[in-house]
PDB file of N, CA and C in Angstrom:
ATOM      1  N   MET A   1     -22.261  10.289   8.171  1.00  0.00           N
ATOM      2  CA  MET A   1     -21.517   9.040   8.092  1.00  0.00           C
ATOM      3  C   MET A   1     -20.728   9.006   6.782  1.00  0.00           C
ATOM      4  N   LYS A   2     -19.441   8.666   6.890  1.00  0.00           N
ATOM      5  CA  LYS A   2     -18.586   8.578   5.712  1.00  0.00           C
ATOM      6  C   LYS A   2     -18.802   7.243   5.016  1.00  0.00           C
ATOM      7  N   THR A   3     -18.659   7.266   3.702  1.00  0.00           N
ATOM      8  CA  THR A   3     -18.767   6.029   2.926  1.00  0.00           C
ATOM      9  C   THR A   3     -17.490   5.208   3.089  1.00  0.00           C
ATOM     10  N   GLY A   4     -17.589   3.933   2.734  1.00  0.00           N
ATOM     11  CA  GLY A   4     -16.429   3.059   2.807  1.00  0.00           C
ATOM     12  C   GLY A   4     -15.287   3.558   1.945  1.00  0.00           C
ATOM     13  N   ILE A   5     -15.593   4.010   0.740  1.00  0.00           N
ATOM     14  CA  ILE A   5     -14.536   4.465  -0.169  1.00  0.00           C
ATOM     15  C   ILE A   5     -13.845   5.704   0.389  1.00  0.00           C
ATOM     16  N   LYS A   6     -14.599   6.574   1.040  1.00  0.00           N
ATOM     17  CA  LYS A   6     -14.025   7.778   1.663  1.00  0.00           C
ATOM     18  C   LYS A   6     -13.093   7.380   2.815  1.00  0.00           C
ATOM     19  N   LEU A   7     -13.534   6.440   3.643  1.00  0.00           N
ATOM     20  CA  LEU A   7     -12.704   5.967   4.756  1.00  0.00           C
ATOM     21  C   LEU A   7     -11.409   5.332   4.258  1.00  0.00           C
ATOM     22  N   ILE A   8     -11.508   4.533   3.200  1.00  0.00           N
ATOM     23  CA  ILE A   8     -10.333   3.867   2.635  1.00  0.00           C
ATOM     24  C   ILE A   8      -9.365   4.894   2.049  1.00  0.00           C
ATOM     25  N   ALA A   9      -9.890   5.896   1.336  1.00  0.00           N
ATOM     26  CA  ALA A   9      -9.029   6.941   0.760  1.00  0.00           C
ATOM     27  C   ALA A   9      -8.308   7.716   1.861  1.00  0.00           C
ATOM     28  N   GLU A  10      -9.009   8.049   2.923  1.00  0.00           N
ATOM     29  CA  GLU A  10      -8.382   8.755   4.041  1.00  0.00           C
ATOM     30  C   GLU A  10      -7.311   7.895   4.709  1.00  0.00           C
ATOM     31  N   GLU A  11      -7.593   6.611   4.868  1.00  0.00           N
ATOM     32  CA  GLU A  11      -6.617   5.704   5.480  1.00  0.00           C
ATOM     33  C   GLU A  11      -5.380   5.584   4.604  1.00  0.00           C
ATOM     34  N   ARG A  12      -5.563   5.508   3.287  1.00  0.00           N
ATOM     35  CA  ARG A  12      -4.413   5.406   2.379  1.00  0.00           C
ATOM     36  C   ARG A  12      -3.528   6.636   2.526  1.00  0.00           C
ATOM     37  N   LYS A  13      -4.140   7.812   2.631  1.00  0.00           N
ATOM     38  CA  LYS A  13      -3.357   9.032   2.822  1.00  0.00           C
ATOM     39  C   LYS A  13      -2.590   8.977   4.136  1.00  0.00           C
ATOM     40  N   LYS A  14      -3.212   8.450   5.189  1.00  0.00           N
ATOM     41  CA  LYS A  14      -2.533   8.309   6.478  1.00  0.00           C
ATOM     42  C   LYS A  14      -1.366   7.333   6.366  1.00  0.00           C
ATOM     43  N   GLN A  15      -1.568   6.221   5.639  1.00  0.00           N
ATOM     44  CA  GLN A  15      -0.494   5.240   5.475  1.00  0.00           C
ATOM     45  C   GLN A  15       0.690   5.854   4.741  1.00  0.00           C
ATOM     46  N   ILE A  16       0.403   6.628   3.708  1.00  0.00           N
ATOM     47  CA  ILE A  16       1.478   7.268   2.939  1.00  0.00           C
ATOM     48  C   ILE A  16       2.265   8.208   3.840  1.00  0.00           C
ATOM     49  N   LYS A  17       1.550   8.996   4.631  1.00  0.00           N
ATOM     50  CA  LYS A  17       2.220   9.938   5.527  1.00  0.00           C
ATOM     51  C   LYS A  17       2.987   9.203   6.625  1.00  0.00           C
ATOM     52  N   LYS A  18       2.369   8.219   7.231  1.00  0.00           N
ATOM     53  CA  LYS A  18       2.979   7.509   8.363  1.00  0.00           C
ATOM     54  C   LYS A  18       4.180   6.667   7.946  1.00  0.00           C
ATOM     55  N   TRP A  19       4.046   5.929   6.852  1.00  0.00           N
ATOM     56  CA  TRP A  19       5.105   5.004   6.436  1.00  0.00           C
ATOM     57  C   TRP A  19       6.059   5.631   5.424  1.00  0.00           C
ATOM     58  N   GLY A  20       5.710   6.811   4.898  1.00  0.00           N
ATOM     59  CA  GLY A  20       6.577   7.483   3.943  1.00  0.00           C
ATOM     60  C   GLY A  20       6.625   6.802   2.589  1.00  0.00           C
ATOM     61  N   THR A  21       5.585   6.066   2.265  1.00  0.00           N
ATOM     62  CA  THR A  21       5.567   5.367   0.978  1.00  0.00           C
ATOM     63  C   THR A  21       5.057   6.284  -0.123  1.00  0.00           C
ATOM     64  N   THR A  22       5.417   5.937  -1.337  1.00  0.00           N
ATOM     65  CA  THR A  22       4.942   6.645  -2.523  1.00  0.00           C
ATOM     66  C   THR A  22       4.617   5.592  -3.569  1.00  0.00           C
ATOM     67  N   GLU A  23       3.961   6.016  -4.630  1.00  0.00           N
ATOM     68  CA  GLU A  23       3.692   5.068  -5.711  1.00  0.00           C
ATOM     69  C   GLU A  23       4.995   4.531  -6.285  1.00  0.00           C
ATOM     70  N   CYS A  24       6.004   5.379  -6.368  1.00  0.00           N
ATOM     71  CA  CYS A  24       7.307   4.930  -6.877  1.00  0.00           C
ATOM     72  C   CYS A  24       7.901   3.868  -5.959  1.00  0.00           C
ATOM     73  N   HIS A  25       7.741   4.042  -4.671  1.00  0.00           N
ATOM     74  CA  HIS A  25       8.234   3.062  -3.695  1.00  0.00           C
ATOM     75  C   HIS A  25       7.458   1.754  -3.818  1.00  0.00           C
ATOM     76  N   ASP A  26       6.142   1.842  -3.952  1.00  0.00           N
ATOM     77  CA  ASP A  26       5.293   0.649  -4.018  1.00  0.00           C
ATOM     78  C   ASP A  26       5.549  -0.197  -5.256  1.00  0.00           C
ATOM     79  N   ILE A  27       6.076   0.410  -6.315  1.00  0.00           N
ATOM     80  CA  ILE A  27       6.368  -0.328  -7.546  1.00  0.00           C
ATOM     81  C   ILE A  27       7.346  -1.473  -7.275  1.00  0.00           C
ATOM     82  N   ASP A  28       8.200  -1.297  -6.284  1.00  0.00           N
ATOM     83  CA  ASP A  28       9.206  -2.320  -5.960  1.00  0.00           C
ATOM     84  C   ASP A  28       8.592  -3.589  -5.371  1.00  0.00           C
ATOM     85  N   PHE A  29       7.361  -3.529  -4.912  1.00  0.00           N
ATOM     86  CA  PHE A  29       6.730  -4.691  -4.279  1.00  0.00           C
ATOM     87  C   PHE A  29       6.082  -5.582  -5.338  1.00  0.00           C
ATOM     88  N   GLN A  30       6.911  -6.351  -6.026  1.00  0.00           N
ATOM     89  CA  GLN A  30       6.454  -7.144  -7.160  1.00  0.00           C
ATOM     90  C   GLN A  30       6.125  -8.588  -6.798  1.00  0.00           C
ATOM     91  N   GLU A  31       6.222  -8.927  -5.538  1.00  0.00           N
ATOM     92  CA  GLU A  31       5.988 -10.319  -5.137  1.00  0.00           C
ATOM     93  C   GLU A  31       4.789 -10.455  -4.206  1.00  0.00           C
ATOM     94  N   GLY A  32       3.823  -9.563  -4.355  1.00  0.00           N
ATOM     95  CA  GLY A  32       2.599  -9.656  -3.565  1.00  0.00           C
ATOM     96  C   GLY A  32       2.706  -9.138  -2.143  1.00  0.00           C
ATOM     97  N   GLN A  33       3.754  -8.356  -1.858  1.00  0.00           N
ATOM     98  CA  GLN A  33       3.950  -7.884  -0.490  1.00  0.00           C
ATOM     99  C   GLN A  33       2.790  -7.027   0.011  1.00  0.00           C
ATOM    100  N   LEU A  34       2.242  -6.179  -0.846  1.00  0.00           N
ATOM    101  CA  LEU A  34       1.140  -5.315  -0.398  1.00  0.00           C
ATOM    102  C   LEU A  34      -0.101  -6.138  -0.078  1.00  0.00           C
ATOM    103  N   LEU A  35      -0.375  -7.139  -0.905  1.00  0.00           N
ATOM    104  CA  LEU A  35      -1.529  -7.996  -0.617  1.00  0.00           C
ATOM    105  C   LEU A  35      -1.302  -8.825   0.643  1.00  0.00           C
ATOM    106  N   LYS A  36      -0.076  -9.314   0.818  1.00  0.00           N
ATOM    107  CA  LYS A  36       0.224 -10.066   2.036  1.00  0.00           C
ATOM    108  C   LYS A  36       0.103  -9.161   3.261  1.00  0.00           C
ATOM    109  N   ALA A  37       0.554  -7.909   3.130  1.00  0.00           N
ATOM    110  CA  ALA A  37       0.416  -6.962   4.241  1.00  0.00           C
ATOM    111  C   ALA A  37      -1.054  -6.719   4.552  1.00  0.00           C
ATOM    112  N   ALA A  38      -1.874  -6.624   3.504  1.00  0.00           N
ATOM    113  CA  ALA A  38      -3.315  -6.440   3.705  1.00  0.00           C
ATOM    114  C   ALA A  38      -3.914  -7.636   4.433  1.00  0.00           C
ATOM    115  N   MET A  39      -3.533  -8.827   4.016  1.00  0.00           N
ATOM    116  CA  MET A  39      -4.058 -10.025   4.661  1.00  0.00           C
ATOM    117  C   MET A  39      -3.578 -10.123   6.109  1.00  0.00           C
ATOM    118  N   PHE A  40      -2.320  -9.736   6.344  1.00  0.00           N
ATOM    119  CA  PHE A  40      -1.819  -9.760   7.713  1.00  0.00           C
ATOM    120  C   PHE A  40      -2.553  -8.733   8.567  1.00  0.00           C
ATOM    121  N   ALA A  41      -2.768  -7.538   8.020  1.00  0.00           N
ATOM    122  CA  ALA A  41      -3.474  -6.492   8.764  1.00  0.00           C
ATOM    123  C   ALA A  41      -4.896  -6.924   9.107  1.00  0.00           C
ATOM    124  N   LEU A  42      -5.513  -7.685   8.230  1.00  0.00           N
ATOM    125  CA  LEU A  42      -6.883  -8.121   8.458  1.00  0.00           C
ATOM    126  C   LEU A  42      -6.965  -9.302   9.413  1.00  0.00           C
ATOM    127  N   THR A  43      -6.035 -10.252   9.269  1.00  0.00           N
ATOM    128  CA  THR A  43      -6.172 -11.520   9.989  1.00  0.00           C
ATOM    129  C   THR A  43      -5.131 -11.757  11.082  1.00  0.00           C
ATOM    130  N   GLU A  44      -3.987 -11.075  10.993  1.00  0.00           N
ATOM    131  CA  GLU A  44      -2.824 -11.338  11.852  1.00  0.00           C
ATOM    132  C   GLU A  44      -2.357 -12.789  11.732  1.00  0.00           C
ATOM    133  N   ASP A  45      -2.669 -13.411  10.620  1.00  0.00           N
ATOM    134  CA  ASP A  45      -2.286 -14.797  10.361  1.00  0.00           C
ATOM    135  C   ASP A  45      -0.814 -14.836   9.948  1.00  0.00           C
ATOM    136  N   GLU A  46      -0.037 -15.625  10.641  1.00  0.00           N
ATOM    137  CA  GLU A  46       1.401 -15.701  10.406  1.00  0.00           C
ATOM    138  C   GLU A  46       1.768 -16.184   9.006  1.00  0.00           C
ATOM    139  N   GLN A  47       0.851 -16.840   8.311  1.00  0.00           N
ATOM    140  CA  GLN A  47       1.191 -17.278   6.950  1.00  0.00           C
ATOM    141  C   GLN A  47       1.400 -16.086   6.017  1.00  0.00           C
ATOM    142  N   TYR A  48       0.912 -14.902   6.414  1.00  0.00           N
ATOM    143  CA  TYR A  48       1.092 -13.694   5.610  1.00  0.00           C
ATOM    144  C   TYR A  48       2.221 -12.819   6.141  1.00  0.00           C
ATOM    145  N   SER A  49       2.918 -13.315   7.141  1.00  0.00           N
ATOM    146  CA  SER A  49       4.043 -12.583   7.710  1.00  0.00           C
ATOM    147  C   SER A  49       5.183 -12.558   6.697  1.00  0.00           C
ATOM    148  N   GLN A  50       5.911 -11.461   6.677  1.00  0.00           N
ATOM    149  CA  GLN A  50       7.017 -11.303   5.744  1.00  0.00           C
ATOM    150  C   GLN A  50       8.252 -10.902   6.533  1.00  0.00           C
ATOM    151  N   SER A  51       9.306 -11.670   6.413  1.00  0.00           N
ATOM    152  CA  SER A  51      10.496 -11.428   7.229  1.00  0.00           C
ATOM    153  C   SER A  51      11.062 -10.028   7.034  1.00  0.00           C
ATOM    154  N   ASP A  52      10.950  -9.481   5.835  1.00  0.00           N
ATOM    155  CA  ASP A  52      11.488  -8.142   5.592  1.00  0.00           C
ATOM    156  C   ASP A  52      10.492  -7.033   5.946  1.00  0.00           C
ATOM    157  N   TRP A  53       9.332  -7.400   6.464  1.00  0.00           N
ATOM    158  CA  TRP A  53       8.311  -6.422   6.861  1.00  0.00           C
ATOM    159  C   TRP A  53       8.081  -6.453   8.369  1.00  0.00           C
ATOM    160  N   VAL A  54       9.057  -6.921   9.118  1.00  0.00           N
ATOM    161  CA  VAL A  54       8.886  -7.046  10.565  1.00  0.00           C
ATOM    162  C   VAL A  54       8.497  -5.704  11.179  1.00  0.00           C
ATOM    163  N   GLU A  55       9.160  -4.639  10.746  1.00  0.00           N
ATOM    164  CA  GLU A  55       8.853  -3.314  11.296  1.00  0.00           C
ATOM    165  C   GLU A  55       7.385  -2.953  11.035  1.00  0.00           C
ATOM    166  N   PHE A  56       6.917  -3.219   9.822  1.00  0.00           N
ATOM    167  CA  PHE A  56       5.513  -2.943   9.508  1.00  0.00           C
ATOM    168  C   PHE A  56       4.590  -3.760  10.406  1.00  0.00           C
ATOM    169  N   GLU A  57       4.889  -5.024  10.539  1.00  0.00           N
ATOM    170  CA  GLU A  57       4.028  -5.900  11.319  1.00  0.00           C
ATOM    171  C   GLU A  57       4.002  -5.497  12.785  1.00  0.00           C
ATOM    172  N   LEU A  58       5.124  -5.020  13.295  1.00  0.00           N
ATOM    173  CA  LEU A  58       5.151  -4.581  14.680  1.00  0.00           C
ATOM    174  C   LEU A  58       4.355  -3.286  14.868  1.00  0.00           C
ATOM    175  N   LYS A  59       4.249  -2.488  13.790  1.00  0.00           N
ATOM    176  CA  LYS A  59       3.559  -1.210  13.885  1.00  0.00           C
ATOM    177  C   LYS A  59       2.081  -1.288  13.513  1.00  0.00           C
ATOM    178  N   VAL A  60       1.630  -2.429  13.010  1.00  0.00           N
ATOM    179  CA  VAL A  60       0.219  -2.545  12.657  1.00  0.00           C
ATOM    180  C   VAL A  60      -0.606  -2.282  13.911  1.00  0.00           C
ATOM    181  N   GLU A  61      -1.403  -1.262  13.809  1.00  0.00           N
ATOM    182  CA  GLU A  61      -2.215  -0.887  14.962  1.00  0.00           C
ATOM    183  C   GLU A  61      -3.559  -1.596  14.849  1.00  0.00           C
ATOM    184  N   ARG A  62      -3.691  -2.622  15.606  1.00  0.00           N
ATOM    185  CA  ARG A  62      -4.914  -3.409  15.578  1.00  0.00           C
ATOM    186  C   ARG A  62      -5.815  -2.962  16.710  1.00  0.00           C
ATOM    187  N   ASP A  63      -7.015  -2.578  16.389  1.00  0.00           N
ATOM    188  CA  ASP A  63      -7.937  -2.204  17.447  1.00  0.00           C
ATOM    189  C   ASP A  63      -9.082  -3.199  17.553  1.00  0.00           C
ATOM    190  N   HIS A  64      -9.029  -4.219  16.734  1.00  0.00           N
ATOM    191  CA  HIS A  64     -10.026  -5.286  16.751  1.00  0.00           C
ATOM    192  C   HIS A  64     -11.447  -4.759  16.536  1.00  0.00           C
ATOM    193  N   HIS A  65     -11.543  -3.691  15.783  1.00  0.00           N
ATOM    194  CA  HIS A  65     -12.838  -3.161  15.374  1.00  0.00           C
ATOM    195  C   HIS A  65     -12.997  -3.508  13.900  1.00  0.00           C
ATOM    196  N   GLU A  66     -14.021  -4.225  13.584  1.00  0.00           N
ATOM    197  CA  GLU A  66     -14.189  -4.791  12.243  1.00  0.00           C
ATOM    198  C   GLU A  66     -14.092  -3.742  11.137  1.00  0.00           C
ATOM    199  N   ILE A  67     -14.756  -2.619  11.294  1.00  0.00           N
ATOM    200  CA  ILE A  67     -14.742  -1.597  10.239  1.00  0.00           C
ATOM    201  C   ILE A  67     -13.335  -1.028  10.073  1.00  0.00           C
ATOM    202  N   ASP A  68     -12.658  -0.704  11.170  1.00  0.00           N
ATOM    203  CA  ASP A  68     -11.304  -0.151  11.069  1.00  0.00           C
ATOM    204  C   ASP A  68     -10.353  -1.135  10.402  1.00  0.00           C
ATOM    205  N   ASN A  69     -10.462  -2.394  10.732  1.00  0.00           N
ATOM    206  CA  ASN A  69      -9.594  -3.407  10.119  1.00  0.00           C
ATOM    207  C   ASN A  69      -9.868  -3.528   8.624  1.00  0.00           C
ATOM    208  N   LEU A  70     -11.130  -3.464   8.238  1.00  0.00           N
ATOM    209  CA  LEU A  70     -11.482  -3.518   6.812  1.00  0.00           C
ATOM    210  C   LEU A  70     -10.963  -2.291   6.077  1.00  0.00           C
ATOM    211  N   VAL A  71     -11.040  -1.128   6.703  1.00  0.00           N
ATOM    212  CA  VAL A  71     -10.552   0.106   6.083  1.00  0.00           C
ATOM    213  C   VAL A  71      -9.044   0.027   5.865  1.00  0.00           C
ATOM    214  N   LYS A  72      -8.291  -0.427   6.873  1.00  0.00           N
ATOM    215  CA  LYS A  72      -6.837  -0.554   6.738  1.00  0.00           C
ATOM    216  C   LYS A  72      -6.479  -1.550   5.634  1.00  0.00           C
ATOM    217  N   THR A  73      -7.191  -2.644   5.611  1.00  0.00           N
ATOM    218  CA  THR A  73      -6.945  -3.643   4.572  1.00  0.00           C
ATOM    219  C   THR A  73      -7.289  -3.091   3.195  1.00  0.00           C
ATOM    220  N   GLY A  74      -8.415  -2.401   3.090  1.00  0.00           N
ATOM    221  CA  GLY A  74      -8.824  -1.794   1.821  1.00  0.00           C
ATOM    222  C   GLY A  74      -7.797  -0.802   1.301  1.00  0.00           C
ATOM    223  N   ALA A  75      -7.195  -0.039   2.195  1.00  0.00           N
ATOM    224  CA  ALA A  75      -6.187   0.937   1.787  1.00  0.00           C
ATOM    225  C   ALA A  75      -4.939   0.247   1.229  1.00  0.00           C
ATOM    226  N   LEU A  76      -4.544  -0.858   1.840  1.00  0.00           N
ATOM    227  CA  LEU A  76      -3.403  -1.609   1.315  1.00  0.00           C
ATOM    228  C   LEU A  76      -3.733  -2.246  -0.034  1.00  0.00           C
ATOM    229  N   ILE A  77      -4.949  -2.710  -0.190  1.00  0.00           N
ATOM    230  CA  ILE A  77      -5.368  -3.258  -1.488  1.00  0.00           C
ATOM    231  C   ILE A  77      -5.387  -2.148  -2.540  1.00  0.00           C
ATOM    232  N   ALA A  78      -5.840  -0.958  -2.151  1.00  0.00           N
ATOM    233  CA  ALA A  78      -5.820   0.181  -3.078  1.00  0.00           C
ATOM    234  C   ALA A  78      -4.388   0.486  -3.519  1.00  0.00           C
ATOM    235  N   ALA A  79      -3.448   0.384  -2.592  1.00  0.00           N
ATOM    236  CA  ALA A  79      -2.040   0.604  -2.937  1.00  0.00           C
ATOM    237  C   ALA A  79      -1.572  -0.418  -3.971  1.00  0.00           C
ATOM    238  N   GLU A  80      -1.997  -1.653  -3.813  1.00  0.00           N
ATOM    239  CA  GLU A  80      -1.619  -2.697  -4.794  1.00  0.00           C
ATOM    240  C   GLU A  80      -2.264  -2.414  -6.151  1.00  0.00           C
ATOM    241  N   ILE A  81      -3.509  -1.981  -6.160  1.00  0.00           N
ATOM    242  CA  ILE A  81      -4.164  -1.618  -7.424  1.00  0.00           C
ATOM    243  C   ILE A  81      -3.413  -0.492  -8.107  1.00  0.00           C
ATOM    244  N   ASP A  82      -3.043   0.545  -7.339  1.00  0.00           N
ATOM    245  CA  ASP A  82      -2.275   1.660  -7.897  1.00  0.00           C
ATOM    246  C   ASP A  82      -0.939   1.169  -8.453  1.00  0.00           C
ATOM    247  N   ARG A  83      -0.294   0.261  -7.737  1.00  0.00           N
ATOM    248  CA  ARG A  83       0.991  -0.279  -8.196  1.00  0.00           C
ATOM    249  C   ARG A  83       0.830  -0.999  -9.523  1.00  0.00           C
ATOM    250  N   LEU A  84      -0.184  -1.830  -9.614  1.00  0.00           N
ATOM    251  CA  LEU A  84      -0.416  -2.583 -10.853  1.00  0.00           C
ATOM    252  C   LEU A  84      -0.757  -1.665 -12.017  1.00  0.00           C
ATOM    253  N   GLN A  85      -1.544  -0.636 -11.761  1.00  0.00           N
ATOM    254  CA  GLN A  85      -1.891   0.302 -12.823  1.00  0.00           C
ATOM    255  C   GLN A  85      -0.685   1.116 -13.284  1.00  0.00           C
ATOM    256  N   SER A  86       0.222   1.383 -12.378  1.00  0.00           N
ATOM    257  CA  SER A  86       1.385   2.206 -12.736  1.00  0.00           C
ATOM    258  C   SER A  86       2.397   1.452 -13.589  1.00  0.00           C
ATOM    259  N   ILE A  87       2.339   0.132 -13.598  1.00  0.00           N
ATOM    260  CA  ILE A  87       3.310  -0.644 -14.392  1.00  0.00           C
ATOM    261  C   ILE A  87       2.724  -1.106 -15.713  1.00  0.00           C
ATOM    262  N   LYS A  88       1.487  -0.745 -15.987  1.00  0.00           N
ATOM    263  CA  LYS A  88       0.878  -1.131 -17.274  1.00  0.00           C
ATOM    264  C   LYS A  88       1.502  -0.388 -18.426  1.00  0.00           C
TER     265      LYS A  88
END
């Protein structure tokens, strides 16, 4: 059984490959977009919807499995942590 941190790291690598994002790209998200994307991925709550992220929201693969949803959300939060650390 893989640990949560291992699952999140693997998911982050998949997100980078699938969406073509990089740390340099993520630096541009200075208005909480990554956290909002994480909240949307976890809850599908429209209050976290972002008009300029429609493509992302349409591609969010929701399988309604609690662990998978937490892993996807954790990976987006990790991206935000990396972004914040890179601008220090």
